[in-house]
């Protein structure tokens, strides 16, 4: 999950829109992977859902924000 923050920071320092879009793609992938692992913990009954639910909610909210940012950048690249 820490790579999300590192890659988001790198996206903010992008030298071009294309680089920003690419780096945001990595942020989206990493955020999605983090949500996946949280879901896996629940599905395999390693952690109770009520313990992970706030993290899952926040992870999905951040994933939606990052994906929307990437889509906006793609739409405005022309």
N, C-alpha and C. Protein backbone atom coordinates (compact mmCIF):
# COMPACT_ATOMS: atom_id res chain seq x y z
N UNK A 1 0.82 -1.20 0.00
CA UNK A 1 0.00 0.00 0.00
C UNK A 1 0.86 1.26 0.00
N UNK A 2 2.06 1.19 0.54
CA UNK A 2 2.90 2.39 0.58
C UNK A 2 3.35 2.82 -0.80
N UNK A 3 3.37 1.90 -1.75
CA UNK A 3 3.78 2.29 -3.10
C UNK A 3 2.76 3.21 -3.75
N UNK A 4 1.53 3.18 -3.28
CA UNK A 4 0.51 4.09 -3.80
C UNK A 4 0.95 5.53 -3.56
N UNK A 5 1.34 5.82 -2.34
CA UNK A 5 1.77 7.18 -2.00
C UNK A 5 3.01 7.58 -2.76
N UNK A 6 3.97 6.68 -2.87
CA UNK A 6 5.21 6.99 -3.58
C UNK A 6 4.93 7.26 -5.06
N UNK A 7 4.09 6.45 -5.67
CA UNK A 7 3.79 6.65 -7.09
C UNK A 7 2.92 7.89 -7.31
N UNK A 8 2.03 8.20 -6.37
CA UNK A 8 1.22 9.42 -6.48
C UNK A 8 2.12 10.65 -6.40
N UNK A 9 3.08 10.59 -5.50
CA UNK A 9 4.04 11.70 -5.40
C UNK A 9 4.81 11.86 -6.71
N UNK A 10 5.24 10.74 -7.27
CA UNK A 10 5.95 10.78 -8.55
C UNK A 10 5.06 11.35 -9.66
N UNK A 11 3.78 11.01 -9.63
CA UNK A 11 2.86 11.55 -10.64
C UNK A 11 2.78 13.06 -10.53
N UNK A 12 2.79 13.57 -9.31
CA UNK A 12 2.74 15.01 -9.11
C UNK A 12 3.98 15.73 -9.62
N UNK A 13 5.04 14.99 -9.82
CA UNK A 13 6.30 15.58 -10.31
C UNK A 13 6.55 15.25 -11.78
N UNK A 14 5.50 14.78 -12.45
CA UNK A 14 5.63 14.40 -13.86
C UNK A 14 6.06 15.59 -14.70
N UNK A 15 6.81 15.28 -15.75
CA UNK A 15 7.31 16.32 -16.65
C UNK A 15 6.40 16.56 -17.85
N UNK A 16 5.40 15.68 -18.01
CA UNK A 16 4.49 15.84 -19.13
C UNK A 16 3.15 15.20 -18.77
N UNK A 17 2.13 15.54 -19.53
CA UNK A 17 0.82 14.94 -19.30
C UNK A 17 0.87 13.44 -19.53
N UNK A 18 1.60 13.01 -20.56
CA UNK A 18 1.71 11.57 -20.85
C UNK A 18 2.35 10.84 -19.67
N UNK A 19 3.39 11.43 -19.10
CA UNK A 19 4.04 10.81 -17.95
C UNK A 19 3.10 10.77 -16.75
N UNK A 20 2.33 11.85 -16.55
CA UNK A 20 1.35 11.88 -15.46
C UNK A 20 0.32 10.77 -15.62
N UNK A 21 -0.20 10.64 -16.83
CA UNK A 21 -1.20 9.60 -17.10
C UNK A 21 -0.62 8.22 -16.83
N UNK A 22 0.59 7.99 -17.27
CA UNK A 22 1.24 6.71 -17.05
C UNK A 22 1.44 6.43 -15.56
N UNK A 23 1.94 7.41 -14.83
CA UNK A 23 2.19 7.23 -13.40
C UNK A 23 0.87 7.05 -12.64
N UNK A 24 -0.17 7.75 -13.06
CA UNK A 24 -1.47 7.57 -12.41
C UNK A 24 -2.02 6.17 -12.69
N UNK A 25 -1.67 5.62 -13.84
CA UNK A 25 -2.06 4.23 -14.12
C UNK A 25 -1.43 3.28 -13.11
N UNK A 26 -0.19 3.54 -12.76
CA UNK A 26 0.48 2.73 -11.74
C UNK A 26 -0.19 2.92 -10.39
N UNK A 27 -0.56 4.15 -10.06
CA UNK A 27 -1.25 4.42 -8.80
C UNK A 27 -2.56 3.64 -8.74
N UNK A 28 -3.32 3.67 -9.83
CA UNK A 28 -4.59 2.95 -9.89
C UNK A 28 -4.35 1.44 -9.71
N UNK A 29 -3.37 0.91 -10.39
CA UNK A 29 -3.06 -0.53 -10.27
C UNK A 29 -2.69 -0.90 -8.84
N UNK A 30 -1.85 -0.10 -8.21
CA UNK A 30 -1.41 -0.38 -6.85
C UNK A 30 -2.56 -0.26 -5.86
N UNK A 31 -3.41 0.74 -6.04
CA UNK A 31 -4.58 0.90 -5.16
C UNK A 31 -5.53 -0.28 -5.31
N UNK A 32 -5.74 -0.71 -6.54
CA UNK A 32 -6.61 -1.85 -6.78
C UNK A 32 -6.03 -3.12 -6.15
N UNK A 33 -4.72 -3.28 -6.24
CA UNK A 33 -4.08 -4.45 -5.63
C UNK A 33 -4.23 -4.43 -4.11
N UNK A 34 -4.11 -3.26 -3.52
CA UNK A 34 -4.27 -3.16 -2.06
C UNK A 34 -5.68 -3.54 -1.64
N UNK A 35 -6.67 -3.07 -2.40
CA UNK A 35 -8.06 -3.45 -2.12
C UNK A 35 -8.24 -4.95 -2.29
N UNK A 36 -7.63 -5.51 -3.32
CA UNK A 36 -7.70 -6.96 -3.54
C UNK A 36 -7.22 -7.73 -2.32
N UNK A 37 -6.05 -7.35 -1.79
CA UNK A 37 -5.48 -8.08 -0.65
C UNK A 37 -6.35 -7.94 0.59
N UNK A 38 -6.95 -6.79 0.79
CA UNK A 38 -7.87 -6.63 1.92
C UNK A 38 -9.08 -7.56 1.75
N UNK A 39 -9.60 -7.61 0.54
CA UNK A 39 -10.72 -8.52 0.26
C UNK A 39 -10.32 -9.97 0.46
N UNK A 40 -9.09 -10.30 0.07
CA UNK A 40 -8.60 -11.66 0.22
C UNK A 40 -8.52 -12.05 1.70
N UNK A 41 -8.09 -11.12 2.53
CA UNK A 41 -8.04 -11.39 3.98
C UNK A 41 -9.41 -11.75 4.53
N UNK A 42 -10.43 -11.06 4.04
CA UNK A 42 -11.79 -11.35 4.49
C UNK A 42 -12.27 -12.67 3.90
N UNK A 43 -12.07 -12.85 2.60
CA UNK A 43 -12.55 -14.06 1.92
C UNK A 43 -11.94 -15.34 2.48
N UNK A 44 -10.71 -15.26 2.94
CA UNK A 44 -10.05 -16.45 3.49
C UNK A 44 -10.23 -16.55 5.01
N UNK A 45 -11.01 -15.63 5.53
CA UNK A 45 -11.36 -15.60 6.96
C UNK A 45 -10.14 -15.44 7.87
N UNK A 46 -9.12 -14.77 7.36
CA UNK A 46 -7.95 -14.46 8.17
C UNK A 46 -8.28 -13.29 9.10
N UNK A 47 -9.08 -12.35 8.57
CA UNK A 47 -9.49 -11.17 9.33
C UNK A 47 -11.01 -11.02 9.19
N UNK A 48 -11.64 -10.65 10.28
CA UNK A 48 -13.10 -10.44 10.23
C UNK A 48 -13.42 -9.21 9.39
N UNK A 49 -14.51 -9.29 8.67
CA UNK A 49 -14.89 -8.20 7.77
C UNK A 49 -15.08 -6.88 8.52
N UNK A 50 -15.65 -6.91 9.71
CA UNK A 50 -15.88 -5.67 10.45
C UNK A 50 -14.58 -4.96 10.80
N UNK A 51 -13.49 -5.69 10.89
CA UNK A 51 -12.19 -5.08 11.18
C UNK A 51 -11.58 -4.41 9.95
N UNK A 52 -11.89 -4.93 8.78
CA UNK A 52 -11.29 -4.45 7.54
C UNK A 52 -12.20 -3.48 6.78
N UNK A 53 -13.47 -3.49 7.09
CA UNK A 53 -14.45 -2.71 6.33
C UNK A 53 -14.08 -1.23 6.18
N UNK A 54 -13.66 -0.54 7.25
CA UNK A 54 -13.29 0.88 7.04
C UNK A 54 -12.12 1.05 6.07
N UNK A 55 -11.17 0.14 6.12
CA UNK A 55 -10.04 0.21 5.19
C UNK A 55 -10.48 -0.07 3.77
N UNK A 56 -11.37 -1.04 3.60
CA UNK A 56 -11.89 -1.35 2.26
C UNK A 56 -12.66 -0.15 1.70
N UNK A 57 -13.47 0.47 2.52
CA UNK A 57 -14.25 1.63 2.07
C UNK A 57 -13.31 2.74 1.62
N UNK A 58 -12.33 3.05 2.45
CA UNK A 58 -11.38 4.11 2.10
C UNK A 58 -10.55 3.74 0.88
N UNK A 59 -10.12 2.49 0.80
CA UNK A 59 -9.36 2.04 -0.36
C UNK A 59 -10.14 2.18 -1.65
N UNK A 60 -11.41 1.80 -1.62
CA UNK A 60 -12.25 1.92 -2.81
C UNK A 60 -12.52 3.38 -3.16
N UNK A 61 -12.68 4.23 -2.13
CA UNK A 61 -12.87 5.66 -2.40
C UNK A 61 -11.63 6.26 -3.06
N UNK A 62 -10.46 5.93 -2.52
CA UNK A 62 -9.22 6.44 -3.12
C UNK A 62 -9.02 5.90 -4.53
N UNK A 63 -9.33 4.64 -4.73
CA UNK A 63 -9.23 4.04 -6.06
C UNK A 63 -10.10 4.80 -7.05
N UNK A 64 -11.32 5.14 -6.65
CA UNK A 64 -12.23 5.89 -7.52
C UNK A 64 -11.67 7.28 -7.83
N UNK A 65 -11.09 7.93 -6.84
CA UNK A 65 -10.51 9.26 -7.04
C UNK A 65 -9.34 9.20 -8.01
N UNK A 66 -8.45 8.25 -7.80
CA UNK A 66 -7.28 8.12 -8.67
C UNK A 66 -7.68 7.78 -10.10
N UNK A 67 -8.63 6.88 -10.25
CA UNK A 67 -9.09 6.49 -11.59
C UNK A 67 -9.75 7.68 -12.29
N UNK A 68 -10.53 8.46 -11.55
CA UNK A 68 -11.17 9.64 -12.14
C UNK A 68 -10.12 10.66 -12.57
N UNK A 69 -9.08 10.82 -11.77
CA UNK A 69 -8.01 11.75 -12.12
C UNK A 69 -7.31 11.32 -13.40
N UNK A 70 -7.05 10.03 -13.51
CA UNK A 70 -6.42 9.52 -14.72
C UNK A 70 -7.33 9.71 -15.94
N UNK A 71 -8.61 9.41 -15.78
CA UNK A 71 -9.56 9.59 -16.90
C UNK A 71 -9.63 11.05 -17.33
N UNK A 72 -9.66 11.95 -16.36
CA UNK A 72 -9.71 13.39 -16.69
C UNK A 72 -8.46 13.82 -17.44
N UNK A 73 -7.30 13.37 -16.97
CA UNK A 73 -6.05 13.70 -17.66
C UNK A 73 -6.05 13.18 -19.09
N UNK A 74 -6.55 11.95 -19.27
CA UNK A 74 -6.62 11.39 -20.62
C UNK A 74 -7.56 12.20 -21.51
N UNK A 75 -8.70 12.60 -20.95
CA UNK A 75 -9.69 13.36 -21.73
C UNK A 75 -9.17 14.74 -22.11
N UNK A 76 -8.30 15.31 -21.28
CA UNK A 76 -7.80 16.67 -21.52
C UNK A 76 -6.42 16.71 -22.17
N UNK A 77 -5.94 15.58 -22.65
CA UNK A 77 -4.57 15.57 -23.19
C UNK A 77 -4.45 16.25 -24.54
N UNK A 78 -5.53 16.50 -25.20
CA UNK A 78 -5.47 17.15 -26.53
C UNK A 78 -5.38 18.64 -26.41
